[in-house]
Amino acid sequence: MTKLLIKILGWLSGSTKVVFSFLLPILEDNSAKLLAALLPIALDVVTSLVDSPKSGAEKRAAAVDAIKAQAIQTGIAATTSAVNLAVELAVQKLNPSTPPVAAPAK
């Protein structure tokens, strides 16, 4: 399982890589197994939506719905937060040049 997480870490860049490095120890439990099962589904779904004329929010909602449906079909008990994380990782994998979002100024 750790090899898969290290492979995922290799896909990422910049601040996403830093965040994932922080999350790595947390993900090395059952969440890692769930995420490992969801990531291939998320990559396929997000890739299929890249050229869609839908807005970003509509694509995201469609991706979440499609991933949940495929997870159910394959017997994966996916939580909403795991699906959301899988979507974000898939988007980052497909578009690594996306700049990180800065925290709001206080």
PDB file of N, CA and C in Angstrom:
ATOM      1  N   MET A   1       0.821  -1.186   0.000  1.00  0.00           N
ATOM      2  CA  MET A   1       0.000   0.000   0.000  1.00  0.00           C
ATOM      3  C   MET A   1       0.865   1.250   0.000  1.00  0.00           C
ATOM      4  N   THR A   2       1.957   1.215   0.749  1.00  0.00           N
ATOM      5  CA  THR A   2       2.834   2.371   0.809  1.00  0.00           C
ATOM      6  C   THR A   2       3.423   2.669  -0.567  1.00  0.00           C
ATOM      7  N   LYS A   3       3.717   1.626  -1.345  1.00  0.00           N
ATOM      8  CA  LYS A   3       4.260   1.834  -2.686  1.00  0.00           C
ATOM      9  C   LYS A   3       3.274   2.604  -3.553  1.00  0.00           C
ATOM     10  N   LEU A   4       1.992   2.304  -3.425  1.00  0.00           N
ATOM     11  CA  LEU A   4       0.975   3.022  -4.190  1.00  0.00           C
ATOM     12  C   LEU A   4       0.940   4.486  -3.778  1.00  0.00           C
ATOM     13  N   LEU A   5       0.993   4.752  -2.491  1.00  0.00           N
ATOM     14  CA  LEU A   5       0.958   6.132  -2.017  1.00  0.00           C
ATOM     15  C   LEU A   5       2.194   6.901  -2.467  1.00  0.00           C
ATOM     16  N   ILE A   6       3.332   6.250  -2.502  1.00  0.00           N
ATOM     17  CA  ILE A   6       4.545   6.909  -2.986  1.00  0.00           C
ATOM     18  C   ILE A   6       4.428   7.179  -4.478  1.00  0.00           C
ATOM     19  N   LYS A   7       3.808   6.263  -5.218  1.00  0.00           N
ATOM     20  CA  LYS A   7       3.584   6.472  -6.645  1.00  0.00           C
ATOM     21  C   LYS A   7       2.664   7.669  -6.868  1.00  0.00           C
ATOM     22  N   ILE A   8       1.613   7.769  -6.076  1.00  0.00           N
ATOM     23  CA  ILE A   8       0.701   8.911  -6.167  1.00  0.00           C
ATOM     24  C   ILE A   8       1.465  10.190  -5.861  1.00  0.00           C
ATOM     25  N   LEU A   9       2.300  10.165  -4.860  1.00  0.00           N
ATOM     26  CA  LEU A   9       3.101  11.321  -4.486  1.00  0.00           C
ATOM     27  C   LEU A   9       3.980  11.759  -5.653  1.00  0.00           C
ATOM     28  N   GLY A  10       4.486  10.800  -6.406  1.00  0.00           N
ATOM     29  CA  GLY A  10       5.315  11.112  -7.566  1.00  0.00           C
ATOM     30  C   GLY A  10       4.550  11.815  -8.671  1.00  0.00           C
ATOM     31  N   TRP A  11       3.249  11.592  -8.760  1.00  0.00           N
ATOM     32  CA  TRP A  11       2.415  12.241  -9.777  1.00  0.00           C
ATOM     33  C   TRP A  11       2.226  13.718  -9.488  1.00  0.00           C
ATOM     34  N   LEU A  12       2.273  14.052  -8.233  1.00  0.00           N
ATOM     35  CA  LEU A  12       1.905  15.397  -7.813  1.00  0.00           C
ATOM     36  C   LEU A  12       3.101  16.328  -7.831  1.00  0.00           C
ATOM     37  N   SER A  13       2.796  17.619  -7.790  1.00  0.00           N
ATOM     38  CA  SER A  13       3.874  18.596  -7.779  1.00  0.00           C
ATOM     39  C   SER A  13       3.496  19.777  -6.895  1.00  0.00           C
ATOM     40  N   GLY A  14       4.493  20.574  -6.580  1.00  0.00           N
ATOM     41  CA  GLY A  14       4.265  21.827  -5.863  1.00  0.00           C
ATOM     42  C   GLY A  14       3.604  21.659  -4.517  1.00  0.00           C
ATOM     43  N   SER A  15       2.691  22.589  -4.229  1.00  0.00           N
ATOM     44  CA  SER A  15       2.050  22.610  -2.917  1.00  0.00           C
ATOM     45  C   SER A  15       1.181  21.383  -2.690  1.00  0.00           C
ATOM     46  N   THR A  16       0.636  20.819  -3.764  1.00  0.00           N
ATOM     47  CA  THR A  16      -0.161  19.604  -3.613  1.00  0.00           C
ATOM     48  C   THR A  16       0.707  18.478  -3.081  1.00  0.00           C
ATOM     49  N   LYS A  17       1.946  18.431  -3.535  1.00  0.00           N
ATOM     50  CA  LYS A  17       2.874  17.405  -3.065  1.00  0.00           C
ATOM     51  C   LYS A  17       3.167  17.592  -1.573  1.00  0.00           C
ATOM     52  N   VAL A  18       3.307  18.834  -1.138  1.00  0.00           N
ATOM     53  CA  VAL A  18       3.558  19.118   0.275  1.00  0.00           C
ATOM     54  C   VAL A  18       2.376  18.666   1.120  1.00  0.00           C
ATOM     55  N   VAL A  19       1.172  19.000   0.660  1.00  0.00           N
ATOM     56  CA  VAL A  19      -0.035  18.612   1.395  1.00  0.00           C
ATOM     57  C   VAL A  19      -0.147  17.095   1.438  1.00  0.00           C
ATOM     58  N   PHE A  20       0.090  16.439   0.303  1.00  0.00           N
ATOM     59  CA  PHE A  20      -0.014  14.988   0.268  1.00  0.00           C
ATOM     60  C   PHE A  20       1.038  14.344   1.164  1.00  0.00           C
ATOM     61  N   SER A  21       2.225  14.932   1.224  1.00  0.00           N
ATOM     62  CA  SER A  21       3.264  14.405   2.112  1.00  0.00           C
ATOM     63  C   SER A  21       2.814  14.458   3.567  1.00  0.00           C
ATOM     64  N   PHE A  22       2.086  15.514   3.909  1.00  0.00           N
ATOM     65  CA  PHE A  22       1.531  15.638   5.254  1.00  0.00           C
ATOM     66  C   PHE A  22       0.468  14.568   5.503  1.00  0.00           C
ATOM     67  N   LEU A  23      -0.336  14.298   4.470  1.00  0.00           N
ATOM     68  CA  LEU A  23      -1.438  13.345   4.619  1.00  0.00           C
ATOM     69  C   LEU A  23      -1.002  11.887   4.528  1.00  0.00           C
ATOM     70  N   LEU A  24       0.178  11.637   3.974  1.00  0.00           N
ATOM     71  CA  LEU A  24       0.635  10.271   3.741  1.00  0.00           C
ATOM     72  C   LEU A  24       0.529   9.365   4.961  1.00  0.00           C
ATOM     73  N   PRO A  25       1.018   9.762   6.124  1.00  0.00           N
ATOM     74  CA  PRO A  25       0.897   8.867   7.289  1.00  0.00           C
ATOM     75  C   PRO A  25      -0.557   8.593   7.670  1.00  0.00           C
ATOM     76  N   ILE A  26      -1.405   9.571   7.481  1.00  0.00           N
ATOM     77  CA  ILE A  26      -2.827   9.404   7.805  1.00  0.00           C
ATOM     78  C   ILE A  26      -3.475   8.416   6.848  1.00  0.00           C
ATOM     79  N   LEU A  27      -3.065   8.492   5.593  1.00  0.00           N
ATOM     80  CA  LEU A  27      -3.687   7.678   4.554  1.00  0.00           C
ATOM     81  C   LEU A  27      -3.232   6.220   4.550  1.00  0.00           C
ATOM     82  N   GLU A  28      -2.259   5.887   5.364  1.00  0.00           N
ATOM     83  CA  GLU A  28      -1.720   4.536   5.335  1.00  0.00           C
ATOM     84  C   GLU A  28      -2.571   3.524   6.093  1.00  0.00           C
ATOM     85  N   ASP A  29      -3.817   3.835   6.351  1.00  0.00           N
ATOM     86  CA  ASP A  29      -4.712   2.879   6.989  1.00  0.00           C
ATOM     87  C   ASP A  29      -5.781   2.469   5.979  1.00  0.00           C
ATOM     88  N   ASN A  30      -6.986   2.226   6.428  1.00  0.00           N
ATOM     89  CA  ASN A  30      -8.062   1.820   5.526  1.00  0.00           C
ATOM     90  C   ASN A  30      -8.407   2.888   4.504  1.00  0.00           C
ATOM     91  N   SER A  31      -8.173   4.128   4.845  1.00  0.00           N
ATOM     92  CA  SER A  31      -8.426   5.211   3.898  1.00  0.00           C
ATOM     93  C   SER A  31      -7.554   5.054   2.659  1.00  0.00           C
ATOM     94  N   ALA A  32      -6.352   4.561   2.856  1.00  0.00           N
ATOM     95  CA  ALA A  32      -5.454   4.361   1.723  1.00  0.00           C
ATOM     96  C   ALA A  32      -6.007   3.305   0.778  1.00  0.00           C
ATOM     97  N   LYS A  33      -6.558   2.248   1.318  1.00  0.00           N
ATOM     98  CA  LYS A  33      -7.152   1.206   0.478  1.00  0.00           C
ATOM     99  C   LYS A  33      -8.337   1.755  -0.298  1.00  0.00           C
ATOM    100  N   LEU A  34      -9.146   2.548   0.372  1.00  0.00           N
ATOM    101  CA  LEU A  34     -10.301   3.154  -0.275  1.00  0.00           C
ATOM    102  C   LEU A  34      -9.851   4.105  -1.377  1.00  0.00           C
ATOM    103  N   LEU A  35      -8.883   4.945  -1.082  1.00  0.00           N
ATOM    104  CA  LEU A  35      -8.391   5.893  -2.068  1.00  0.00           C
ATOM    105  C   LEU A  35      -7.725   5.176  -3.238  1.00  0.00           C
ATOM    106  N   ALA A  36      -6.995   4.122  -2.956  1.00  0.00           N
ATOM    107  CA  ALA A  36      -6.348   3.346  -4.014  1.00  0.00           C
ATOM    108  C   ALA A  36      -7.384   2.735  -4.958  1.00  0.00           C
ATOM    109  N   ALA A  37      -8.521   2.345  -4.426  1.00  0.00           N
ATOM    110  CA  ALA A  37      -9.588   1.784  -5.256  1.00  0.00           C
ATOM    111  C   ALA A  37     -10.296   2.876  -6.051  1.00  0.00           C
ATOM    112  N   LEU A  38     -10.405   4.065  -5.469  1.00  0.00           N
ATOM    113  CA  LEU A  38     -11.133   5.155  -6.123  1.00  0.00           C
ATOM    114  C   LEU A  38     -10.320   5.903  -7.177  1.00  0.00           C
ATOM    115  N   LEU A  39      -9.010   5.987  -7.007  1.00  0.00           N
ATOM    116  CA  LEU A  39      -8.199   6.800  -7.910  1.00  0.00           C
ATOM    117  C   LEU A  39      -8.283   6.393  -9.378  1.00  0.00           C
ATOM    118  N   PRO A  40      -8.216   5.117  -9.720  1.00  0.00           N
ATOM    119  CA  PRO A  40      -8.347   4.769 -11.145  1.00  0.00           C
ATOM    120  C   PRO A  40      -9.712   5.159 -11.706  1.00  0.00           C
ATOM    121  N   ILE A  41     -10.741   4.987 -10.908  1.00  0.00           N
ATOM    122  CA  ILE A  41     -12.091   5.384 -11.334  1.00  0.00           C
ATOM    123  C   ILE A  41     -12.133   6.892 -11.535  1.00  0.00           C
ATOM    124  N   ALA A  42     -11.583   7.634 -10.578  1.00  0.00           N
ATOM    125  CA  ALA A  42     -11.593   9.096 -10.655  1.00  0.00           C
ATOM    126  C   ALA A  42     -10.821   9.591 -11.870  1.00  0.00           C
ATOM    127  N   LEU A  43      -9.678   8.999 -12.142  1.00  0.00           N
ATOM    128  CA  LEU A  43      -8.897   9.412 -13.310  1.00  0.00           C
ATOM    129  C   LEU A  43      -9.665   9.192 -14.600  1.00  0.00           C
ATOM    130  N   ASP A  44     -10.336   8.054 -14.720  1.00  0.00           N
ATOM    131  CA  ASP A  44     -11.137   7.773 -15.919  1.00  0.00           C
ATOM    132  C   ASP A  44     -12.286   8.773 -16.055  1.00  0.00           C
ATOM    133  N   VAL A  45     -12.994   9.005 -14.965  1.00  0.00           N
ATOM    134  CA  VAL A  45     -14.153   9.896 -15.000  1.00  0.00           C
ATOM    135  C   VAL A  45     -13.728  11.330 -15.285  1.00  0.00           C
ATOM    136  N   VAL A  46     -12.722  11.818 -14.580  1.00  0.00           N
ATOM    137  CA  VAL A  46     -12.273  13.196 -14.783  1.00  0.00           C
ATOM    138  C   VAL A  46     -11.738  13.376 -16.201  1.00  0.00           C
ATOM    139  N   THR A  47     -11.003  12.395 -16.703  1.00  0.00           N
ATOM    140  CA  THR A  47     -10.501  12.462 -18.073  1.00  0.00           C
ATOM    141  C   THR A  47     -11.646  12.554 -19.076  1.00  0.00           C
ATOM    142  N   SER A  48     -12.716  11.800 -18.825  1.00  0.00           N
ATOM    143  CA  SER A  48     -13.850  11.814 -19.750  1.00  0.00           C
ATOM    144  C   SER A  48     -14.598  13.142 -19.748  1.00  0.00           C
ATOM    145  N   LEU A  49     -14.426  13.928 -18.696  1.00  0.00           N
ATOM    146  CA  LEU A  49     -15.128  15.211 -18.587  1.00  0.00           C
ATOM    147  C   LEU A  49     -14.294  16.412 -19.023  1.00  0.00           C
ATOM    148  N   VAL A  50     -13.039  16.201 -19.357  1.00  0.00           N
ATOM    149  CA  VAL A  50     -12.142  17.315 -19.673  1.00  0.00           C
ATOM    150  C   VAL A  50     -12.702  18.206 -20.785  1.00  0.00           C
ATOM    151  N   ASP A  51     -13.181  17.610 -21.851  1.00  0.00           N
ATOM    152  CA  ASP A  51     -13.652  18.391 -23.002  1.00  0.00           C
ATOM    153  C   ASP A  51     -15.133  18.708 -22.957  1.00  0.00           C
ATOM    154  N   SER A  52     -15.771  18.445 -21.852  1.00  0.00           N
ATOM    155  CA  SER A  52     -17.199  18.733 -21.700  1.00  0.00           C
ATOM    156  C   SER A  52     -17.434  20.243 -21.694  1.00  0.00           C
ATOM    157  N   PRO A  53     -18.547  20.685 -22.287  1.00  0.00           N
ATOM    158  CA  PRO A  53     -18.854  22.122 -22.275  1.00  0.00           C
ATOM    159  C   PRO A  53     -19.391  22.614 -20.926  1.00  0.00           C
ATOM    160  N   LYS A  54     -19.512  21.722 -19.965  1.00  0.00           N
ATOM    161  CA  LYS A  54     -20.032  22.087 -18.652  1.00  0.00           C
ATOM    162  C   LYS A  54     -19.066  23.021 -17.928  1.00  0.00           C
ATOM    163  N   SER A  55     -19.591  23.769 -16.973  1.00  0.00           N
ATOM    164  CA  SER A  55     -18.740  24.619 -16.130  1.00  0.00           C
ATOM    165  C   SER A  55     -17.919  23.735 -15.201  1.00  0.00           C
ATOM    166  N   GLY A  56     -16.923  24.337 -14.551  1.00  0.00           N
ATOM    167  CA  GLY A  56     -16.090  23.583 -13.618  1.00  0.00           C
ATOM    168  C   GLY A  56     -16.890  22.950 -12.500  1.00  0.00           C
ATOM    169  N   ALA A  57     -17.836  23.697 -11.950  1.00  0.00           N
ATOM    170  CA  ALA A  57     -18.668  23.170 -10.866  1.00  0.00           C
ATOM    171  C   ALA A  57     -19.560  22.029 -11.361  1.00  0.00           C
ATOM    172  N   GLU A  58     -20.066  22.169 -12.578  1.00  0.00           N
ATOM    173  CA  GLU A  58     -20.911  21.107 -13.140  1.00  0.00           C
ATOM    174  C   GLU A  58     -20.088  19.853 -13.422  1.00  0.00           C
ATOM    175  N   LYS A  59     -18.866  20.042 -13.925  1.00  0.00           N
ATOM    176  CA  LYS A  59     -17.983  18.892 -14.163  1.00  0.00           C
ATOM    177  C   LYS A  59     -17.666  18.189 -12.848  1.00  0.00           C
ATOM    178  N   ARG A  60     -17.398  18.968 -11.818  1.00  0.00           N
ATOM    179  CA  ARG A  60     -17.064  18.385 -10.515  1.00  0.00           C
ATOM    180  C   ARG A  60     -18.228  17.581  -9.975  1.00  0.00           C
ATOM    181  N   ALA A  61     -19.437  18.145 -10.050  1.00  0.00           N
ATOM    182  CA  ALA A  61     -20.632  17.437  -9.571  1.00  0.00           C
ATOM    183  C   ALA A  61     -20.858  16.160 -10.380  1.00  0.00           C
ATOM    184  N   ALA A  62     -20.677  16.250 -11.692  1.00  0.00           N
ATOM    185  CA  ALA A  62     -20.842  15.071 -12.546  1.00  0.00           C
ATOM    186  C   ALA A  62     -19.799  14.009 -12.210  1.00  0.00           C
ATOM    187  N   ALA A  63     -18.574  14.447 -11.945  1.00  0.00           N
ATOM    188  CA  ALA A  63     -17.504  13.505 -11.588  1.00  0.00           C
ATOM    189  C   ALA A  63     -17.817  12.801 -10.279  1.00  0.00           C
ATOM    190  N   VAL A  64     -18.239  13.558  -9.288  1.00  0.00           N
ATOM    191  CA  VAL A  64     -18.565  12.971  -7.982  1.00  0.00           C
ATOM    192  C   VAL A  64     -19.691  11.949  -8.133  1.00  0.00           C
ATOM    193  N   ASP A  65     -20.740  12.308  -8.860  1.00  0.00           N
ATOM    194  CA  ASP A  65     -21.865  11.384  -9.064  1.00  0.00           C
ATOM    195  C   ASP A  65     -21.427  10.122  -9.798  1.00  0.00           C
ATOM    196  N   ALA A  66     -20.626  10.285 -10.853  1.00  0.00           N
ATOM    197  CA  ALA A  66     -20.180   9.131 -11.641  1.00  0.00           C
ATOM    198  C   ALA A  66     -19.255   8.224 -10.830  1.00  0.00           C
ATOM    199  N   ILE A  67     -18.377   8.822 -10.048  1.00  0.00           N
ATOM    200  CA  ILE A  67     -17.454   8.018  -9.231  1.00  0.00           C
ATOM    201  C   ILE A  67     -18.230   7.256  -8.169  1.00  0.00           C
ATOM    202  N   LYS A  68     -19.180   7.910  -7.527  1.00  0.00           N
ATOM    203  CA  LYS A  68     -20.006   7.223  -6.525  1.00  0.00           C
ATOM    204  C   LYS A  68     -20.755   6.056  -7.157  1.00  0.00           C
ATOM    205  N   ALA A  69     -21.323   6.282  -8.346  1.00  0.00           N
ATOM    206  CA  ALA A  69     -22.077   5.216  -9.028  1.00  0.00           C
ATOM    207  C   ALA A  69     -21.176   4.039  -9.381  1.00  0.00           C
ATOM    208  N   GLN A  70     -19.992   4.329  -9.922  1.00  0.00           N
ATOM    209  CA  GLN A  70     -19.059   3.253 -10.276  1.00  0.00           C
ATOM    210  C   GLN A  70     -18.542   2.539  -9.030  1.00  0.00           C
ATOM    211  N   ALA A  71     -18.339   3.290  -7.966  1.00  0.00           N
ATOM    212  CA  ALA A  71     -17.883   2.673  -6.719  1.00  0.00           C
ATOM    213  C   ALA A  71     -18.930   1.690  -6.206  1.00  0.00           C
ATOM    214  N   ILE A  72     -20.185   2.091  -6.245  1.00  0.00           N
ATOM    215  CA  ILE A  72     -21.267   1.206  -5.796  1.00  0.00           C
ATOM    216  C   ILE A  72     -21.317  -0.043  -6.666  1.00  0.00           C
ATOM    217  N   GLN A  73     -21.193   0.140  -7.981  1.00  0.00           N
ATOM    218  CA  GLN A  73     -21.224  -1.006  -8.907  1.00  0.00           C
ATOM    219  C   GLN A  73     -20.095  -1.990  -8.641  1.00  0.00           C
ATOM    220  N   THR A  74     -18.958  -1.491  -8.212  1.00  0.00           N
ATOM    221  CA  THR A  74     -17.813  -2.373  -7.974  1.00  0.00           C
ATOM    222  C   THR A  74     -17.696  -2.820  -6.515  1.00  0.00           C
ATOM    223  N   GLY A  75     -18.660  -2.416  -5.689  1.00  0.00           N
ATOM    224  CA  GLY A  75     -18.676  -2.852  -4.307  1.00  0.00           C
ATOM    225  C   GLY A  75     -17.786  -2.055  -3.375  1.00  0.00           C
ATOM    226  N   ILE A  76     -17.431  -0.852  -3.777  1.00  0.00           N
ATOM    227  CA  ILE A  76     -16.594   0.005  -2.939  1.00  0.00           C
ATOM    228  C   ILE A  76     -17.501   0.910  -2.112  1.00  0.00           C
ATOM    229  N   ALA A  77     -17.344   0.869  -0.813  1.00  0.00           N
ATOM    230  CA  ALA A  77     -18.124   1.729   0.085  1.00  0.00           C
ATOM    231  C   ALA A  77     -17.396   3.061   0.218  1.00  0.00           C
ATOM    232  N   ALA A  78     -17.647   3.950  -0.720  1.00  0.00           N
ATOM    233  CA  ALA A  78     -16.910   5.215  -0.787  1.00  0.00           C
ATOM    234  C   ALA A  78     -17.598   6.309   0.007  1.00  0.00           C
ATOM    235  N   THR A  79     -16.820   6.961   0.840  1.00  0.00           N
ATOM    236  CA  THR A  79     -17.343   8.118   1.568  1.00  0.00           C
ATOM    237  C   THR A  79     -17.272   9.337   0.661  1.00  0.00           C
ATOM    238  N   THR A  80     -18.082  10.334   0.961  1.00  0.00           N
ATOM    239  CA  THR A  80     -18.077  11.555   0.165  1.00  0.00           C
ATOM    240  C   THR A  80     -16.718  12.233   0.214  1.00  0.00           C
ATOM    241  N   SER A  81     -16.094  12.258   1.379  1.00  0.00           N
ATOM    242  CA  SER A  81     -14.785  12.914   1.480  1.00  0.00           C
ATOM    243  C   SER A  81     -13.723  12.167   0.674  1.00  0.00           C
ATOM    244  N   ALA A  82     -13.787  10.852   0.631  1.00  0.00           N
ATOM    245  CA  ALA A  82     -12.825  10.080  -0.167  1.00  0.00           C
ATOM    246  C   ALA A  82     -13.039  10.335  -1.660  1.00  0.00           C
ATOM    247  N   VAL A  83     -14.292  10.421  -2.075  1.00  0.00           N
ATOM    248  CA  VAL A  83     -14.590  10.718  -3.478  1.00  0.00           C
ATOM    249  C   VAL A  83     -14.094  12.118  -3.823  1.00  0.00           C
ATOM    250  N   ASN A  84     -14.347  13.079  -2.948  1.00  0.00           N
ATOM    251  CA  ASN A  84     -13.874  14.444  -3.193  1.00  0.00           C
ATOM    252  C   ASN A  84     -12.357  14.498  -3.309  1.00  0.00           C
ATOM    253  N   LEU A  85     -11.657  13.796  -2.438  1.00  0.00           N
ATOM    254  CA  LEU A  85     -10.197  13.762  -2.490  1.00  0.00           C
ATOM    255  C   LEU A  85      -9.725  13.098  -3.786  1.00  0.00           C
ATOM    256  N   ALA A  86     -10.381  12.021  -4.180  1.00  0.00           N
ATOM    257  CA  ALA A  86     -10.015  11.336  -5.424  1.00  0.00           C
ATOM    258  C   ALA A  86     -10.199  12.260  -6.622  1.00  0.00           C
ATOM    259  N   VAL A  87     -11.274  13.044  -6.633  1.00  0.00           N
ATOM    260  CA  VAL A  87     -11.505  13.998  -7.719  1.00  0.00           C
ATOM    261  C   VAL A  87     -10.386  15.031  -7.748  1.00  0.00           C
ATOM    262  N   GLU A  88     -10.047  15.582  -6.600  1.00  0.00           N
ATOM    263  CA  GLU A  88      -9.000  16.605  -6.539  1.00  0.00           C
ATOM    264  C   GLU A  88      -7.653  16.050  -6.992  1.00  0.00           C
ATOM    265  N   LEU A  89      -7.326  14.841  -6.574  1.00  0.00           N
ATOM    266  CA  LEU A  89      -6.060  14.233  -6.987  1.00  0.00           C
ATOM    267  C   LEU A  89      -6.046  13.946  -8.483  1.00  0.00           C
ATOM    268  N   ALA A  90      -7.176  13.510  -9.028  1.00  0.00           N
ATOM    269  CA  ALA A  90      -7.267  13.243 -10.465  1.00  0.00           C
ATOM    270  C   ALA A  90      -7.108  14.534 -11.264  1.00  0.00           C
ATOM    271  N   VAL A  91      -7.753  15.592 -10.813  1.00  0.00           N
ATOM    272  CA  VAL A  91      -7.627  16.888 -11.490  1.00  0.00           C
ATOM    273  C   VAL A  91      -6.179  17.357 -11.445  1.00  0.00           C
ATOM    274  N   GLN A  92      -5.546  17.222 -10.301  1.00  0.00           N
ATOM    275  CA  GLN A  92      -4.144  17.636 -10.167  1.00  0.00           C
ATOM    276  C   GLN A  92      -3.243  16.802 -11.065  1.00  0.00           C
ATOM    277  N   LYS A  93      -3.539  15.530 -11.171  1.00  0.00           N
ATOM    278  CA  LYS A  93      -2.735  14.647 -12.036  1.00  0.00           C
ATOM    279  C   LYS A  93      -2.867  15.076 -13.497  1.00  0.00           C
ATOM    280  N   LEU A  94      -4.077  15.428 -13.913  1.00  0.00           N
ATOM    281  CA  LEU A  94      -4.313  15.785 -15.304  1.00  0.00           C
ATOM    282  C   LEU A  94      -3.901  17.210 -15.627  1.00  0.00           C
ATOM    283  N   ASN A  95      -3.848  18.072 -14.627  1.00  0.00           N
ATOM    284  CA  ASN A  95      -3.512  19.472 -14.845  1.00  0.00           C
ATOM    285  C   ASN A  95      -2.553  19.941 -13.752  1.00  0.00           C
ATOM    286  N   PRO A  96      -1.320  19.440 -13.757  1.00  0.00           N
ATOM    287  CA  PRO A  96      -0.392  19.765 -12.670  1.00  0.00           C
ATOM    288  C   PRO A  96       0.036  21.228 -12.640  1.00  0.00           C
ATOM    289  N   SER A  97      -0.259  21.975 -13.679  1.00  0.00           N
ATOM    290  CA  SER A  97       0.146  23.381 -13.691  1.00  0.00           C
ATOM    291  C   SER A  97      -0.862  24.291 -13.006  1.00  0.00           C
ATOM    292  N   THR A  98      -1.950  23.713 -12.484  1.00  0.00           N
ATOM    293  CA  THR A  98      -2.934  24.516 -11.784  1.00  0.00           C
ATOM    294  C   THR A  98      -2.286  25.150 -10.565  1.00  0.00           C
ATOM    295  N   PRO A  99      -2.322  26.494 -10.472  1.00  0.00           N
ATOM    296  CA  PRO A  99      -1.678  27.135  -9.329  1.00  0.00           C
ATOM    297  C   PRO A  99      -2.450  26.863  -8.042  1.00  0.00           C
ATOM    298  N   PRO A 100      -1.766  26.786  -6.925  1.00  0.00           N
ATOM    299  CA  PRO A 100      -2.450  26.559  -5.656  1.00  0.00           C
ATOM    300  C   PRO A 100      -3.299  27.779  -5.298  1.00  0.00           C
ATOM    301  N   VAL A 101      -4.353  27.532  -4.586  1.00  0.00           N
ATOM    302  CA  VAL A 101      -5.227  28.606  -4.132  1.00  0.00           C
ATOM    303  C   VAL A 101      -4.647  29.166  -2.838  1.00  0.00           C
ATOM    304  N   ALA A 102      -4.447  30.470  -2.813  1.00  0.00           N
ATOM    305  CA  ALA A 102      -3.883  31.108  -1.630  1.00  0.00           C
ATOM    306  C   ALA A 102      -4.954  31.230  -0.545  1.00  0.00           C
ATOM    307  N   ALA A 103      -4.520  31.174   0.683  1.00  0.00           N
ATOM    308  CA  ALA A 103      -5.436  31.354   1.795  1.00  0.00           C
ATOM    309  C   ALA A 103      -5.900  32.805   1.792  1.00  0.00           C
ATOM    310  N   PRO A 104      -7.157  33.038   2.195  1.00  0.00           N
ATOM    311  CA  PRO A 104      -7.654  34.411   2.231  1.00  0.00           C
ATOM    312  C   PRO A 104      -6.859  35.262   3.225  1.00  0.00           C
ATOM    313  N   ALA A 105      -6.664  36.506   2.859  1.00  0.00           N
ATOM    314  CA  ALA A 105      -5.934  37.423   3.742  1.00  0.00           C
ATOM    315  C   ALA A 105      -6.771  37.750   4.972  1.00  0.00           C
ATOM    316  N   LYS A 106      -6.109  37.894   6.098  1.00  0.00           N
ATOM    317  CA  LYS A 106      -6.833  38.177   7.339  1.00  0.00           C
ATOM    318  C   LYS A 106      -6.812  39.645   7.617  1.00  0.00           C
TER     319      LYS A 106
END
